[in-house]
Amino acid sequence: MRSIRDPEGFEVKNLLIAAEFGGRQVLEIGCGNGWLTRQYAGHARQVIGIDPGFQDLLEARADQPVSMAHVTYAQLVGENLPFPSGSFDLALYSNSL
């Protein structure tokens, strides 16, 4: 059984207030199982979620709806990103250790 996280939706509401996602390229560092990613992804043009945890990424991919084809996941660490400078409009680092 999975735990219920943020049942009131405060985390996502506050994130959407704090950052403008509309039409933006987003990098989420430490996406884990993609729970937060799926909550805001509908507001962004493209999302790349990265995490060093292989099992978490498998879960993120398995739980991703078909309608979120603009979301991809990669096994990477935030300290060594392969993306050129300026590749993203917004970078998130939330709930990561």
N, C-alpha and C. Protein backbone atom coordinates (compact mmCIF):
# COMPACT_ATOMS: atom_id res chain seq x y z
N MET A 1 0.83 -1.19 0.00
CA MET A 1 0.00 0.00 0.00
C MET A 1 0.87 1.25 0.00
N ARG A 2 0.56 2.17 -0.89
CA ARG A 2 1.31 3.42 -0.96
C ARG A 2 0.75 4.43 0.04
N SER A 3 1.65 5.20 0.60
CA SER A 3 1.20 6.23 1.52
C SER A 3 0.59 7.40 0.74
N ILE A 4 -0.32 8.10 1.37
CA ILE A 4 -0.93 9.27 0.75
C ILE A 4 -0.08 10.47 1.12
N ARG A 5 0.38 11.17 0.12
CA ARG A 5 1.27 12.29 0.33
C ARG A 5 0.56 13.57 -0.07
N ASP A 6 0.57 14.54 0.80
CA ASP A 6 -0.01 15.85 0.53
C ASP A 6 -1.47 15.75 0.07
N PRO A 7 -2.34 15.12 0.88
CA PRO A 7 -3.73 14.93 0.45
C PRO A 7 -4.48 16.24 0.19
N GLU A 8 -4.06 17.32 0.84
CA GLU A 8 -4.73 18.61 0.62
C GLU A 8 -4.24 19.30 -0.65
N GLY A 9 -3.10 18.84 -1.20
CA GLY A 9 -2.56 19.44 -2.41
C GLY A 9 -1.82 20.74 -2.18
N PHE A 10 -1.43 21.02 -0.93
CA PHE A 10 -0.75 22.28 -0.63
C PHE A 10 0.61 22.39 -1.31
N GLU A 11 1.35 21.30 -1.35
CA GLU A 11 2.68 21.33 -1.95
C GLU A 11 2.60 21.75 -3.42
N VAL A 12 1.70 21.14 -4.14
CA VAL A 12 1.55 21.44 -5.56
C VAL A 12 0.99 22.84 -5.77
N LYS A 13 -0.01 23.22 -5.00
CA LYS A 13 -0.58 24.57 -5.13
C LYS A 13 0.47 25.63 -4.90
N ASN A 14 1.28 25.45 -3.86
CA ASN A 14 2.33 26.43 -3.57
C ASN A 14 3.40 26.45 -4.65
N LEU A 15 3.73 25.31 -5.19
CA LEU A 15 4.70 25.25 -6.28
C LEU A 15 4.19 25.99 -7.50
N LEU A 16 2.92 25.80 -7.84
CA LEU A 16 2.35 26.48 -9.00
C LEU A 16 2.22 27.98 -8.78
N ILE A 17 2.09 28.41 -7.53
CA ILE A 17 2.08 29.84 -7.21
C ILE A 17 3.48 30.42 -7.33
N ALA A 18 4.47 29.66 -6.86
CA ALA A 18 5.85 30.16 -6.80
C ALA A 18 6.53 30.22 -8.16
N ALA A 19 6.15 29.35 -9.08
CA ALA A 19 6.84 29.28 -10.37
C ALA A 19 5.84 29.22 -11.52
N GLU A 20 6.20 29.87 -12.60
CA GLU A 20 5.38 29.86 -13.80
C GLU A 20 5.82 28.69 -14.68
N PHE A 21 4.93 27.75 -14.92
CA PHE A 21 5.25 26.55 -15.69
C PHE A 21 4.78 26.63 -17.14
N GLY A 22 3.84 27.51 -17.43
CA GLY A 22 3.22 27.57 -18.74
C GLY A 22 4.21 27.65 -19.88
N GLY A 23 4.23 26.63 -20.75
CA GLY A 23 5.07 26.63 -21.94
C GLY A 23 6.56 26.53 -21.67
N ARG A 24 6.95 26.12 -20.49
CA ARG A 24 8.37 26.11 -20.13
C ARG A 24 8.97 24.71 -20.15
N GLN A 25 10.28 24.71 -20.35
CA GLN A 25 11.10 23.51 -20.25
C GLN A 25 11.53 23.39 -18.80
N VAL A 26 11.22 22.28 -18.14
CA VAL A 26 11.48 22.13 -16.71
C VAL A 26 12.42 20.95 -16.47
N LEU A 27 13.39 21.17 -15.61
CA LEU A 27 14.26 20.11 -15.12
C LEU A 27 13.94 19.90 -13.65
N GLU A 28 13.57 18.69 -13.29
CA GLU A 28 13.32 18.38 -11.89
C GLU A 28 14.45 17.49 -11.39
N ILE A 29 15.23 18.02 -10.48
CA ILE A 29 16.37 17.31 -9.91
C ILE A 29 15.89 16.56 -8.67
N GLY A 30 16.10 15.26 -8.66
CA GLY A 30 15.64 14.44 -7.55
C GLY A 30 14.15 14.14 -7.65
N CYS A 31 13.70 13.70 -8.81
CA CYS A 31 12.26 13.47 -9.05
C CYS A 31 11.73 12.24 -8.34
N GLY A 32 12.61 11.36 -7.89
CA GLY A 32 12.15 10.15 -7.20
C GLY A 32 11.20 9.34 -8.06
N ASN A 33 10.07 8.97 -7.49
CA ASN A 33 9.10 8.14 -8.22
C ASN A 33 8.16 8.96 -9.10
N GLY A 34 8.42 10.24 -9.25
CA GLY A 34 7.64 11.08 -10.16
C GLY A 34 6.33 11.61 -9.61
N TRP A 35 6.10 11.42 -8.32
CA TRP A 35 4.83 11.86 -7.73
C TRP A 35 4.61 13.35 -7.96
N LEU A 36 5.56 14.18 -7.60
CA LEU A 36 5.40 15.63 -7.77
C LEU A 36 5.42 15.98 -9.26
N THR A 37 6.25 15.31 -10.01
CA THR A 37 6.34 15.56 -11.45
C THR A 37 4.97 15.45 -12.11
N ARG A 38 4.27 14.38 -11.81
CA ARG A 38 2.95 14.18 -12.41
C ARG A 38 1.95 15.24 -11.98
N GLN A 39 2.15 15.86 -10.85
CA GLN A 39 1.21 16.86 -10.34
C GLN A 39 1.31 18.18 -11.12
N TYR A 40 2.51 18.57 -11.53
CA TYR A 40 2.66 19.86 -12.22
C TYR A 40 2.92 19.72 -13.72
N ALA A 41 3.20 18.53 -14.19
CA ALA A 41 3.62 18.34 -15.59
C ALA A 41 2.61 18.85 -16.61
N GLY A 42 1.34 18.81 -16.28
CA GLY A 42 0.33 19.30 -17.21
C GLY A 42 0.41 20.79 -17.47
N HIS A 43 1.17 21.50 -16.66
CA HIS A 43 1.33 22.94 -16.81
C HIS A 43 2.58 23.32 -17.60
N ALA A 44 3.45 22.36 -17.89
CA ALA A 44 4.72 22.64 -18.55
C ALA A 44 4.72 22.12 -19.98
N ARG A 45 5.61 22.68 -20.80
CA ARG A 45 5.75 22.21 -22.18
C ARG A 45 6.52 20.90 -22.23
N GLN A 46 7.63 20.84 -21.49
CA GLN A 46 8.45 19.63 -21.44
C GLN A 46 9.05 19.52 -20.05
N VAL A 47 9.16 18.30 -19.55
CA VAL A 47 9.74 18.05 -18.24
C VAL A 47 10.73 16.90 -18.35
N ILE A 48 11.90 17.10 -17.79
CA ILE A 48 12.87 16.02 -17.62
C ILE A 48 13.10 15.88 -16.13
N GLY A 49 12.77 14.71 -15.62
CA GLY A 49 12.99 14.41 -14.22
C GLY A 49 14.22 13.53 -14.09
N ILE A 50 15.13 13.93 -13.22
CA ILE A 50 16.34 13.13 -13.02
C ILE A 50 16.41 12.66 -11.58
N ASP A 51 17.01 11.48 -11.41
CA ASP A 51 17.19 10.91 -10.08
C ASP A 51 18.26 9.84 -10.19
N PRO A 52 19.07 9.66 -9.15
CA PRO A 52 20.07 8.60 -9.20
C PRO A 52 19.48 7.20 -8.93
N GLY A 53 18.26 7.15 -8.39
CA GLY A 53 17.66 5.88 -7.99
C GLY A 53 16.96 5.15 -9.12
N PHE A 54 17.53 4.03 -9.53
CA PHE A 54 16.98 3.26 -10.65
C PHE A 54 15.56 2.78 -10.36
N GLN A 55 15.32 2.23 -9.16
CA GLN A 55 13.99 1.72 -8.80
C GLN A 55 12.94 2.83 -8.81
N ASP A 56 13.29 4.00 -8.28
CA ASP A 56 12.36 5.13 -8.29
C ASP A 56 11.99 5.51 -9.72
N LEU A 57 12.96 5.51 -10.61
CA LEU A 57 12.69 5.88 -12.00
C LEU A 57 11.81 4.84 -12.69
N LEU A 58 12.02 3.57 -12.37
CA LEU A 58 11.13 2.53 -12.91
C LEU A 58 9.70 2.78 -12.48
N GLU A 59 9.52 3.13 -11.22
CA GLU A 59 8.17 3.41 -10.71
C GLU A 59 7.59 4.66 -11.38
N ALA A 60 8.42 5.68 -11.55
CA ALA A 60 7.94 6.91 -12.21
C ALA A 60 7.46 6.62 -13.62
N ARG A 61 8.22 5.85 -14.35
CA ARG A 61 7.84 5.51 -15.73
C ARG A 61 6.58 4.65 -15.76
N ALA A 62 6.47 3.73 -14.82
CA ALA A 62 5.31 2.84 -14.79
C ALA A 62 4.02 3.58 -14.45
N ASP A 63 4.13 4.61 -13.62
CA ASP A 63 2.95 5.36 -13.18
C ASP A 63 2.60 6.54 -14.08
N GLN A 64 3.39 6.78 -15.11
CA GLN A 64 3.18 7.94 -15.97
C GLN A 64 2.02 7.70 -16.93
N PRO A 65 1.03 8.60 -16.92
CA PRO A 65 -0.08 8.47 -17.86
C PRO A 65 0.38 8.69 -19.31
N VAL A 66 -0.30 8.07 -20.23
CA VAL A 66 0.02 8.22 -21.66
C VAL A 66 -0.06 9.70 -22.07
N SER A 67 -0.93 10.46 -21.43
CA SER A 67 -1.10 11.87 -21.79
C SER A 67 0.11 12.73 -21.42
N MET A 68 1.08 12.16 -20.73
CA MET A 68 2.26 12.93 -20.33
C MET A 68 3.49 12.48 -21.12
N ALA A 69 3.33 12.38 -22.42
CA ALA A 69 4.45 11.99 -23.28
C ALA A 69 5.56 13.04 -23.29
N HIS A 70 5.27 14.24 -22.84
CA HIS A 70 6.26 15.32 -22.80
C HIS A 70 7.14 15.24 -21.54
N VAL A 71 6.96 14.19 -20.73
CA VAL A 71 7.74 13.98 -19.52
C VAL A 71 8.68 12.80 -19.73
N THR A 72 9.96 13.02 -19.48
CA THR A 72 10.93 11.93 -19.56
C THR A 72 11.71 11.87 -18.26
N TYR A 73 12.26 10.70 -18.00
CA TYR A 73 13.03 10.47 -16.78
C TYR A 73 14.41 9.94 -17.16
N ALA A 74 15.42 10.36 -16.41
CA ALA A 74 16.79 9.91 -16.68
C ALA A 74 17.51 9.65 -15.36
N GLN A 75 18.35 8.64 -15.37
CA GLN A 75 19.14 8.32 -14.18
C GLN A 75 20.41 9.16 -14.21
N LEU A 76 20.35 10.26 -13.49
CA LEU A 76 21.46 11.22 -13.42
C LEU A 76 21.51 11.80 -12.02
N VAL A 77 22.63 12.45 -11.71
CA VAL A 77 22.75 13.19 -10.46
C VAL A 77 22.84 14.68 -10.76
N GLY A 78 22.33 15.48 -9.85
CA GLY A 78 22.31 16.93 -10.06
C GLY A 78 23.68 17.57 -10.11
N GLU A 79 24.68 16.91 -9.57
CA GLU A 79 26.04 17.47 -9.55
C GLU A 79 26.76 17.32 -10.88
N ASN A 80 26.21 16.52 -11.80
CA ASN A 80 26.89 16.26 -13.07
C ASN A 80 25.86 16.19 -14.20
N LEU A 81 25.35 17.32 -14.60
CA LEU A 81 24.30 17.36 -15.62
C LEU A 81 24.90 17.42 -17.03
N PRO A 82 24.37 16.64 -17.97
CA PRO A 82 24.90 16.62 -19.33
C PRO A 82 24.25 17.65 -20.26
N PHE A 83 23.44 18.53 -19.72
CA PHE A 83 22.69 19.48 -20.55
C PHE A 83 23.47 20.78 -20.71
N PRO A 84 23.43 21.36 -21.91
CA PRO A 84 24.09 22.66 -22.10
C PRO A 84 23.42 23.75 -21.27
N SER A 85 24.16 24.74 -20.92
CA SER A 85 23.63 25.88 -20.19
C SER A 85 22.47 26.50 -20.97
N GLY A 86 21.42 26.86 -20.27
CA GLY A 86 20.27 27.48 -20.92
C GLY A 86 19.27 26.49 -21.50
N SER A 87 19.45 25.20 -21.23
CA SER A 87 18.54 24.19 -21.78
C SER A 87 17.15 24.22 -21.16
N PHE A 88 17.05 24.78 -19.96
CA PHE A 88 15.79 24.76 -19.23
C PHE A 88 15.40 26.17 -18.79
N ASP A 89 14.10 26.38 -18.74
CA ASP A 89 13.58 27.66 -18.24
C ASP A 89 13.46 27.64 -16.73
N LEU A 90 13.31 26.45 -16.18
CA LEU A 90 13.05 26.31 -14.75
C LEU A 90 13.67 25.01 -14.25
N ALA A 91 14.33 25.08 -13.11
CA ALA A 91 14.88 23.88 -12.47
C ALA A 91 14.28 23.78 -11.07
N LEU A 92 13.82 22.57 -10.74
CA LEU A 92 13.23 22.30 -9.43
C LEU A 92 14.10 21.34 -8.66
N TYR A 93 14.21 21.59 -7.38
CA TYR A 93 14.89 20.68 -6.47
C TYR A 93 14.05 20.67 -5.21
N SER A 94 13.15 19.71 -5.13
CA SER A 94 12.18 19.69 -4.04
C SER A 94 12.08 18.29 -3.45
N ASN A 95 12.03 18.20 -2.15
CA ASN A 95 11.86 16.90 -1.48
C ASN A 95 12.94 15.89 -1.83
N SER A 96 14.14 16.35 -2.05
CA SER A 96 15.22 15.45 -2.38
C SER A 96 16.26 15.51 -1.28
N LEU A 97 16.90 14.38 -1.05
CA LEU A 97 17.92 14.32 0.01
C LEU A 97 19.28 14.72 -0.49
